[in-house]
Amino acid sequence: MACVCEATPAAEITLPDEEHSARRARAFLSEAFCAAHHARVLDEAQLLVSELVTNAVRHGGPPVRVRVSCEGDGPALHVAVSDGNPHPPVRRDAEPEAEGGRGVALVDIISDRWGVEHDENGKTVWFVIS
C-alpha cells in the first residue's frame, strides 16, 4: 500500500482479546495517523475501528491487530483490523432498541470502501475513509 503522507509511516498495534481493546484502538488511531486526516475523519475512523475491534474481540479471537496507514491518489486513511477467525463479518439489520449488531452496517455506510481479506491466520477487515 502506498503512503501518500510521507511524514507519517504506517503504524500497527496488537491488542489484548478483552473488552477494553476498542478504547485502546481509538486512542491508538488518535495518536498514530497523520495531521492531514486528523481533523477530517478522526471521529468517523474511531467509530469504525471501535466497531471492528469489538467484533474481533467478541467473534474473532486473538490475535487482534489494528493497522493504520495513508493510501490512494489523494489523502485517504486506510484502517485494518485483523483477528484469528477466518469467517467474514455479517451485516445485520438490528432492531432500533438492540444494543449491538450495527458494526458492519456502519462500516458500509460511513467508509468510502471496505472489504475482507483472508489468510492462514484468520481475516482482516479493512476500510478506507477520506
N, C-alpha and C. Protein backbone atom coordinates (compact mmCIF):
# COMPACT_ATOMS: atom_id res chain seq x y z
N MET A 1 0.84 -1.16 0.00
CA MET A 1 0.00 0.00 0.00
C MET A 1 0.90 1.23 0.00
N ALA A 2 0.63 2.17 -0.88
CA ALA A 2 1.43 3.38 -0.99
C ALA A 2 1.05 4.35 0.11
N CYS A 3 2.05 5.01 0.63
CA CYS A 3 1.79 6.01 1.67
C CYS A 3 1.91 7.39 1.04
N VAL A 4 0.81 8.13 0.95
CA VAL A 4 0.83 9.46 0.36
C VAL A 4 1.25 10.51 1.37
N CYS A 5 1.25 10.17 2.62
CA CYS A 5 1.68 11.10 3.67
C CYS A 5 3.07 10.65 4.11
N GLU A 6 4.07 11.14 3.40
CA GLU A 6 5.44 10.65 3.59
C GLU A 6 5.96 10.85 5.01
N ALA A 7 5.45 11.84 5.72
CA ALA A 7 5.94 12.11 7.07
C ALA A 7 5.32 11.17 8.10
N THR A 8 4.28 10.45 7.73
CA THR A 8 3.58 9.59 8.68
C THR A 8 3.64 8.14 8.22
N PRO A 9 4.50 7.34 8.83
CA PRO A 9 4.58 5.94 8.43
C PRO A 9 3.38 5.15 8.92
N ALA A 10 3.16 4.00 8.31
CA ALA A 10 2.10 3.11 8.78
C ALA A 10 2.41 2.69 10.21
N ALA A 11 1.37 2.43 10.99
CA ALA A 11 1.54 2.03 12.39
C ALA A 11 0.62 0.85 12.67
N GLU A 12 1.04 -0.01 13.60
CA GLU A 12 0.26 -1.20 13.94
C GLU A 12 0.36 -1.46 15.43
N ILE A 13 -0.73 -1.99 15.98
CA ILE A 13 -0.76 -2.36 17.40
C ILE A 13 -1.46 -3.71 17.53
N THR A 14 -0.96 -4.54 18.44
CA THR A 14 -1.64 -5.78 18.79
C THR A 14 -2.34 -5.54 20.11
N LEU A 15 -3.62 -5.88 20.14
CA LEU A 15 -4.45 -5.60 21.30
C LEU A 15 -4.80 -6.88 22.04
N PRO A 16 -5.01 -6.79 23.34
CA PRO A 16 -5.47 -7.97 24.07
C PRO A 16 -6.90 -8.32 23.68
N ASP A 17 -7.24 -9.56 23.81
CA ASP A 17 -8.57 -10.05 23.48
C ASP A 17 -9.49 -9.79 24.67
N GLU A 18 -9.83 -8.48 24.87
CA GLU A 18 -10.62 -8.11 26.02
C GLU A 18 -11.50 -6.90 25.71
N GLU A 19 -12.45 -6.68 26.57
CA GLU A 19 -13.48 -5.66 26.40
C GLU A 19 -12.93 -4.25 26.14
N HIS A 20 -11.85 -3.88 26.79
CA HIS A 20 -11.33 -2.51 26.70
C HIS A 20 -10.48 -2.26 25.47
N SER A 21 -10.32 -3.25 24.61
CA SER A 21 -9.48 -3.09 23.43
C SER A 21 -10.02 -2.06 22.45
N ALA A 22 -11.33 -1.91 22.35
CA ALA A 22 -11.89 -0.90 21.45
C ALA A 22 -11.45 0.51 21.87
N ARG A 23 -11.44 0.76 23.16
CA ARG A 23 -10.98 2.07 23.66
C ARG A 23 -9.50 2.27 23.33
N ARG A 24 -8.71 1.22 23.50
CA ARG A 24 -7.28 1.32 23.18
C ARG A 24 -7.08 1.55 21.68
N ALA A 25 -7.92 0.93 20.84
CA ALA A 25 -7.82 1.12 19.40
C ALA A 25 -8.15 2.56 19.01
N ARG A 26 -9.15 3.15 19.64
CA ARG A 26 -9.49 4.56 19.36
C ARG A 26 -8.34 5.48 19.75
N ALA A 27 -7.73 5.24 20.89
CA ALA A 27 -6.60 6.05 21.32
C ALA A 27 -5.41 5.88 20.38
N PHE A 28 -5.16 4.66 19.97
CA PHE A 28 -4.08 4.38 19.02
C PHE A 28 -4.29 5.15 17.72
N LEU A 29 -5.50 5.14 17.21
CA LEU A 29 -5.81 5.86 15.97
C LEU A 29 -5.56 7.35 16.15
N SER A 30 -5.95 7.87 17.28
CA SER A 30 -5.77 9.29 17.56
C SER A 30 -4.30 9.68 17.57
N GLU A 31 -3.47 8.79 18.07
CA GLU A 31 -2.03 9.07 18.18
C GLU A 31 -1.26 8.74 16.91
N ALA A 32 -1.75 7.77 16.13
CA ALA A 32 -0.94 7.20 15.06
C ALA A 32 -1.10 7.86 13.70
N PHE A 33 -2.26 8.40 13.37
CA PHE A 33 -2.37 8.82 11.98
C PHE A 33 -2.08 10.28 11.76
N CYS A 34 -1.93 10.64 10.52
CA CYS A 34 -1.35 11.92 10.14
C CYS A 34 -2.26 13.12 10.41
N ALA A 35 -1.63 14.26 10.50
CA ALA A 35 -2.34 15.51 10.76
C ALA A 35 -3.30 15.86 9.63
N ALA A 36 -2.99 15.44 8.40
CA ALA A 36 -3.87 15.74 7.27
C ALA A 36 -5.23 15.07 7.45
N HIS A 37 -5.28 13.93 8.12
CA HIS A 37 -6.53 13.22 8.32
C HIS A 37 -7.19 13.53 9.66
N HIS A 38 -6.40 13.98 10.59
CA HIS A 38 -6.87 14.12 11.96
C HIS A 38 -8.16 14.93 12.05
N ALA A 39 -8.17 16.11 11.48
CA ALA A 39 -9.34 16.99 11.61
C ALA A 39 -10.52 16.51 10.78
N ARG A 40 -10.26 15.85 9.66
CA ARG A 40 -11.34 15.50 8.74
C ARG A 40 -12.07 14.22 9.10
N VAL A 41 -11.36 13.18 9.48
CA VAL A 41 -12.01 11.87 9.59
C VAL A 41 -11.77 11.14 10.90
N LEU A 42 -11.15 11.79 11.86
CA LEU A 42 -10.82 11.08 13.10
C LEU A 42 -12.05 10.50 13.78
N ASP A 43 -13.09 11.29 13.97
CA ASP A 43 -14.28 10.79 14.68
C ASP A 43 -14.88 9.58 13.98
N GLU A 44 -15.05 9.66 12.66
CA GLU A 44 -15.62 8.55 11.91
C GLU A 44 -14.71 7.32 11.96
N ALA A 45 -13.41 7.54 11.79
CA ALA A 45 -12.47 6.42 11.83
C ALA A 45 -12.46 5.75 13.21
N GLN A 46 -12.52 6.54 14.27
CA GLN A 46 -12.56 5.96 15.61
C GLN A 46 -13.83 5.16 15.85
N LEU A 47 -14.96 5.64 15.36
CA LEU A 47 -16.21 4.89 15.48
C LEU A 47 -16.08 3.55 14.76
N LEU A 48 -15.59 3.56 13.54
CA LEU A 48 -15.50 2.33 12.76
C LEU A 48 -14.47 1.36 13.33
N VAL A 49 -13.32 1.86 13.76
CA VAL A 49 -12.32 0.95 14.34
C VAL A 49 -12.84 0.35 15.63
N SER A 50 -13.59 1.13 16.39
CA SER A 50 -14.19 0.61 17.63
C SER A 50 -15.14 -0.53 17.33
N GLU A 51 -15.98 -0.37 16.31
CA GLU A 51 -16.92 -1.43 15.93
C GLU A 51 -16.18 -2.68 15.47
N LEU A 52 -15.15 -2.51 14.65
CA LEU A 52 -14.43 -3.67 14.13
C LEU A 52 -13.63 -4.38 15.22
N VAL A 53 -13.03 -3.63 16.12
CA VAL A 53 -12.28 -4.26 17.22
C VAL A 53 -13.24 -4.98 18.16
N THR A 54 -14.38 -4.39 18.44
CA THR A 54 -15.38 -5.07 19.28
C THR A 54 -15.80 -6.38 18.64
N ASN A 55 -16.06 -6.37 17.33
CA ASN A 55 -16.39 -7.61 16.63
C ASN A 55 -15.26 -8.62 16.71
N ALA A 56 -14.03 -8.15 16.54
CA ALA A 56 -12.87 -9.06 16.59
C ALA A 56 -12.74 -9.71 17.96
N VAL A 57 -12.96 -8.95 19.01
CA VAL A 57 -12.87 -9.50 20.37
C VAL A 57 -14.02 -10.47 20.64
N ARG A 58 -15.23 -10.09 20.26
CA ARG A 58 -16.40 -10.92 20.55
C ARG A 58 -16.49 -12.17 19.67
N HIS A 59 -16.14 -12.03 18.40
CA HIS A 59 -16.39 -13.11 17.46
C HIS A 59 -15.14 -13.67 16.79
N GLY A 60 -14.03 -12.94 16.85
CA GLY A 60 -12.86 -13.34 16.08
C GLY A 60 -11.80 -14.08 16.85
N GLY A 61 -11.39 -13.53 17.94
CA GLY A 61 -10.34 -14.14 18.74
C GLY A 61 -8.96 -13.62 18.40
N PRO A 62 -8.02 -13.97 19.26
CA PRO A 62 -6.66 -13.45 19.11
C PRO A 62 -5.94 -14.08 17.91
N PRO A 63 -4.94 -13.41 17.41
CA PRO A 63 -4.50 -12.07 17.80
C PRO A 63 -5.37 -11.00 17.14
N VAL A 64 -5.62 -9.91 17.88
CA VAL A 64 -6.38 -8.77 17.36
C VAL A 64 -5.36 -7.66 17.09
N ARG A 65 -5.29 -7.25 15.83
CA ARG A 65 -4.33 -6.22 15.44
C ARG A 65 -5.04 -5.10 14.69
N VAL A 66 -4.54 -3.88 14.87
CA VAL A 66 -5.04 -2.72 14.14
C VAL A 66 -3.86 -2.10 13.42
N ARG A 67 -4.06 -1.80 12.14
CA ARG A 67 -3.03 -1.15 11.32
C ARG A 67 -3.66 0.08 10.68
N VAL A 68 -2.94 1.17 10.67
CA VAL A 68 -3.41 2.41 10.05
C VAL A 68 -2.31 2.94 9.14
N SER A 69 -2.74 3.41 7.96
CA SER A 69 -1.81 3.99 7.01
C SER A 69 -2.57 4.94 6.09
N CYS A 70 -1.83 5.63 5.25
CA CYS A 70 -2.42 6.52 4.26
C CYS A 70 -2.26 5.87 2.89
N GLU A 71 -3.25 6.06 2.03
CA GLU A 71 -3.17 5.44 0.71
C GLU A 71 -3.92 6.23 -0.33
N GLY A 72 -3.75 5.84 -1.57
CA GLY A 72 -4.55 6.35 -2.66
C GLY A 72 -3.94 7.51 -3.40
N ASP A 73 -4.68 7.97 -4.42
CA ASP A 73 -4.23 9.11 -5.22
C ASP A 73 -4.33 10.41 -4.45
N GLY A 74 -5.32 10.50 -3.58
CA GLY A 74 -5.47 11.65 -2.71
C GLY A 74 -5.37 11.15 -1.29
N PRO A 75 -5.30 12.03 -0.32
CA PRO A 75 -5.16 11.55 1.05
C PRO A 75 -6.39 10.76 1.50
N ALA A 76 -6.15 9.52 1.84
CA ALA A 76 -7.22 8.65 2.36
C ALA A 76 -6.63 7.80 3.48
N LEU A 77 -7.40 7.60 4.50
CA LEU A 77 -6.97 6.82 5.65
C LEU A 77 -7.40 5.37 5.46
N HIS A 78 -6.46 4.45 5.62
CA HIS A 78 -6.73 3.01 5.49
C HIS A 78 -6.54 2.40 6.87
N VAL A 79 -7.59 1.77 7.39
CA VAL A 79 -7.54 1.13 8.70
C VAL A 79 -7.90 -0.34 8.51
N ALA A 80 -7.12 -1.22 9.12
CA ALA A 80 -7.36 -2.66 9.00
C ALA A 80 -7.35 -3.29 10.39
N VAL A 81 -8.33 -4.16 10.64
CA VAL A 81 -8.42 -4.88 11.91
C VAL A 81 -8.37 -6.37 11.59
N SER A 82 -7.39 -7.04 12.18
CA SER A 82 -7.20 -8.48 11.95
C SER A 82 -7.56 -9.25 13.20
N ASP A 83 -8.07 -10.47 12.99
CA ASP A 83 -8.32 -11.38 14.11
C ASP A 83 -8.08 -12.81 13.66
N GLY A 84 -8.19 -13.74 14.59
CA GLY A 84 -7.86 -15.13 14.34
C GLY A 84 -8.97 -15.99 13.78
N ASN A 85 -10.12 -15.42 13.44
CA ASN A 85 -11.23 -16.21 12.93
C ASN A 85 -11.35 -15.99 11.42
N PRO A 86 -11.37 -17.05 10.61
CA PRO A 86 -11.44 -16.87 9.16
C PRO A 86 -12.82 -16.48 8.64
N HIS A 87 -13.87 -16.59 9.43
CA HIS A 87 -15.22 -16.30 8.97
C HIS A 87 -15.42 -14.79 8.82
N PRO A 88 -16.00 -14.36 7.69
CA PRO A 88 -16.20 -12.92 7.46
C PRO A 88 -17.29 -12.37 8.37
N PRO A 89 -17.26 -11.07 8.62
CA PRO A 89 -18.33 -10.45 9.41
C PRO A 89 -19.63 -10.48 8.61
N VAL A 90 -20.72 -10.43 9.31
CA VAL A 90 -22.04 -10.47 8.67
C VAL A 90 -22.78 -9.18 8.98
N ARG A 91 -23.28 -8.55 7.92
CA ARG A 91 -24.09 -7.34 8.12
C ARG A 91 -25.49 -7.77 8.56
N ARG A 92 -25.95 -7.19 9.66
CA ARG A 92 -27.29 -7.50 10.17
C ARG A 92 -28.12 -6.22 10.20
N ASP A 93 -29.42 -6.41 10.18
CA ASP A 93 -30.34 -5.30 10.38
C ASP A 93 -30.82 -5.37 11.82
N ALA A 94 -30.22 -4.55 12.67
CA ALA A 94 -30.53 -4.56 14.10
C ALA A 94 -31.84 -3.84 14.37
N GLU A 95 -32.56 -4.33 15.34
CA GLU A 95 -33.77 -3.65 15.79
C GLU A 95 -33.37 -2.32 16.44
N PRO A 96 -34.24 -1.31 16.37
CA PRO A 96 -33.89 0.00 16.95
C PRO A 96 -33.48 -0.05 18.42
N GLU A 97 -34.07 -0.94 19.20
CA GLU A 97 -33.73 -1.00 20.63
C GLU A 97 -32.55 -1.93 20.93
N ALA A 98 -32.02 -2.60 19.91
CA ALA A 98 -30.89 -3.51 20.12
C ALA A 98 -29.64 -2.74 20.52
N GLU A 99 -28.86 -3.33 21.42
CA GLU A 99 -27.63 -2.68 21.89
C GLU A 99 -26.45 -2.94 20.97
N GLY A 100 -26.56 -3.84 20.04
CA GLY A 100 -25.46 -4.15 19.14
C GLY A 100 -25.99 -4.57 17.78
N GLY A 101 -25.06 -5.04 16.94
CA GLY A 101 -25.44 -5.55 15.65
C GLY A 101 -25.39 -4.56 14.51
N ARG A 102 -24.79 -3.39 14.73
CA ARG A 102 -24.75 -2.37 13.70
C ARG A 102 -23.36 -2.12 13.13
N GLY A 103 -22.36 -2.80 13.65
CA GLY A 103 -20.97 -2.51 13.29
C GLY A 103 -20.68 -2.58 11.81
N VAL A 104 -21.02 -3.69 11.17
CA VAL A 104 -20.72 -3.85 9.74
C VAL A 104 -21.54 -2.86 8.92
N ALA A 105 -22.77 -2.63 9.30
CA ALA A 105 -23.61 -1.65 8.59
C ALA A 105 -23.00 -0.26 8.67
N LEU A 106 -22.48 0.12 9.83
CA LEU A 106 -21.84 1.43 9.97
C LEU A 106 -20.60 1.53 9.09
N VAL A 107 -19.79 0.47 9.06
CA VAL A 107 -18.61 0.47 8.20
C VAL A 107 -19.04 0.65 6.74
N ASP A 108 -20.07 -0.04 6.34
CA ASP A 108 -20.57 0.03 4.96
C ASP A 108 -21.08 1.43 4.63
N ILE A 109 -21.77 2.05 5.55
CA ILE A 109 -22.38 3.36 5.29
C ILE A 109 -21.37 4.50 5.36
N ILE A 110 -20.48 4.47 6.35
CA ILE A 110 -19.60 5.61 6.61
C ILE A 110 -18.33 5.60 5.77
N SER A 111 -17.75 4.42 5.56
CA SER A 111 -16.47 4.37 4.84
C SER A 111 -16.67 4.58 3.34
N ASP A 112 -15.60 4.96 2.67
CA ASP A 112 -15.64 5.11 1.22
C ASP A 112 -15.67 3.73 0.55
N ARG A 113 -14.95 2.79 1.13
CA ARG A 113 -14.96 1.40 0.69
C ARG A 113 -14.41 0.54 1.81
N TRP A 114 -14.75 -0.75 1.77
CA TRP A 114 -14.26 -1.67 2.79
C TRP A 114 -14.24 -3.07 2.20
N GLY A 115 -13.58 -3.97 2.90
CA GLY A 115 -13.52 -5.34 2.43
C GLY A 115 -12.94 -6.27 3.48
N VAL A 116 -12.82 -7.52 3.08
CA VAL A 116 -12.29 -8.56 3.96
C VAL A 116 -11.24 -9.34 3.20
N GLU A 117 -10.11 -9.58 3.83
CA GLU A 117 -9.06 -10.42 3.25
C GLU A 117 -8.81 -11.58 4.19
N HIS A 118 -8.56 -12.74 3.62
CA HIS A 118 -8.34 -13.95 4.42
C HIS A 118 -6.90 -14.40 4.26
N ASP A 119 -6.35 -14.99 5.32
CA ASP A 119 -5.06 -15.65 5.24
C ASP A 119 -5.06 -16.83 6.19
N GLU A 120 -3.93 -17.49 6.33
CA GLU A 120 -3.86 -18.69 7.15
C GLU A 120 -4.07 -18.42 8.64
N ASN A 121 -3.97 -17.16 9.05
CA ASN A 121 -4.12 -16.81 10.47
C ASN A 121 -5.50 -16.28 10.83
N GLY A 122 -6.39 -16.10 9.86
CA GLY A 122 -7.71 -15.55 10.15
C GLY A 122 -8.15 -14.63 9.04
N LYS A 123 -8.57 -13.42 9.42
CA LYS A 123 -9.05 -12.45 8.44
C LYS A 123 -8.64 -11.04 8.85
N THR A 124 -8.73 -10.16 7.87
CA THR A 124 -8.53 -8.74 8.08
C THR A 124 -9.71 -8.01 7.46
N VAL A 125 -10.39 -7.21 8.26
CA VAL A 125 -11.46 -6.35 7.77
C VAL A 125 -10.87 -4.95 7.70
N TRP A 126 -10.96 -4.33 6.54
CA TRP A 126 -10.35 -3.02 6.34
C TRP A 126 -11.40 -2.03 5.82
N PHE A 127 -11.08 -0.75 6.03
CA PHE A 127 -11.90 0.30 5.44
C PHE A 127 -11.02 1.47 5.06
N VAL A 128 -11.50 2.25 4.11
CA VAL A 128 -10.84 3.46 3.66
C VAL A 128 -11.82 4.60 3.84
N ILE A 129 -11.32 5.70 4.37
CA ILE A 129 -12.16 6.87 4.62
C ILE A 129 -11.33 8.11 4.30
N SER A 130 -11.96 9.06 3.62
CA SER A 130 -11.22 10.28 3.25
C SER A 130 -12.05 11.52 3.50
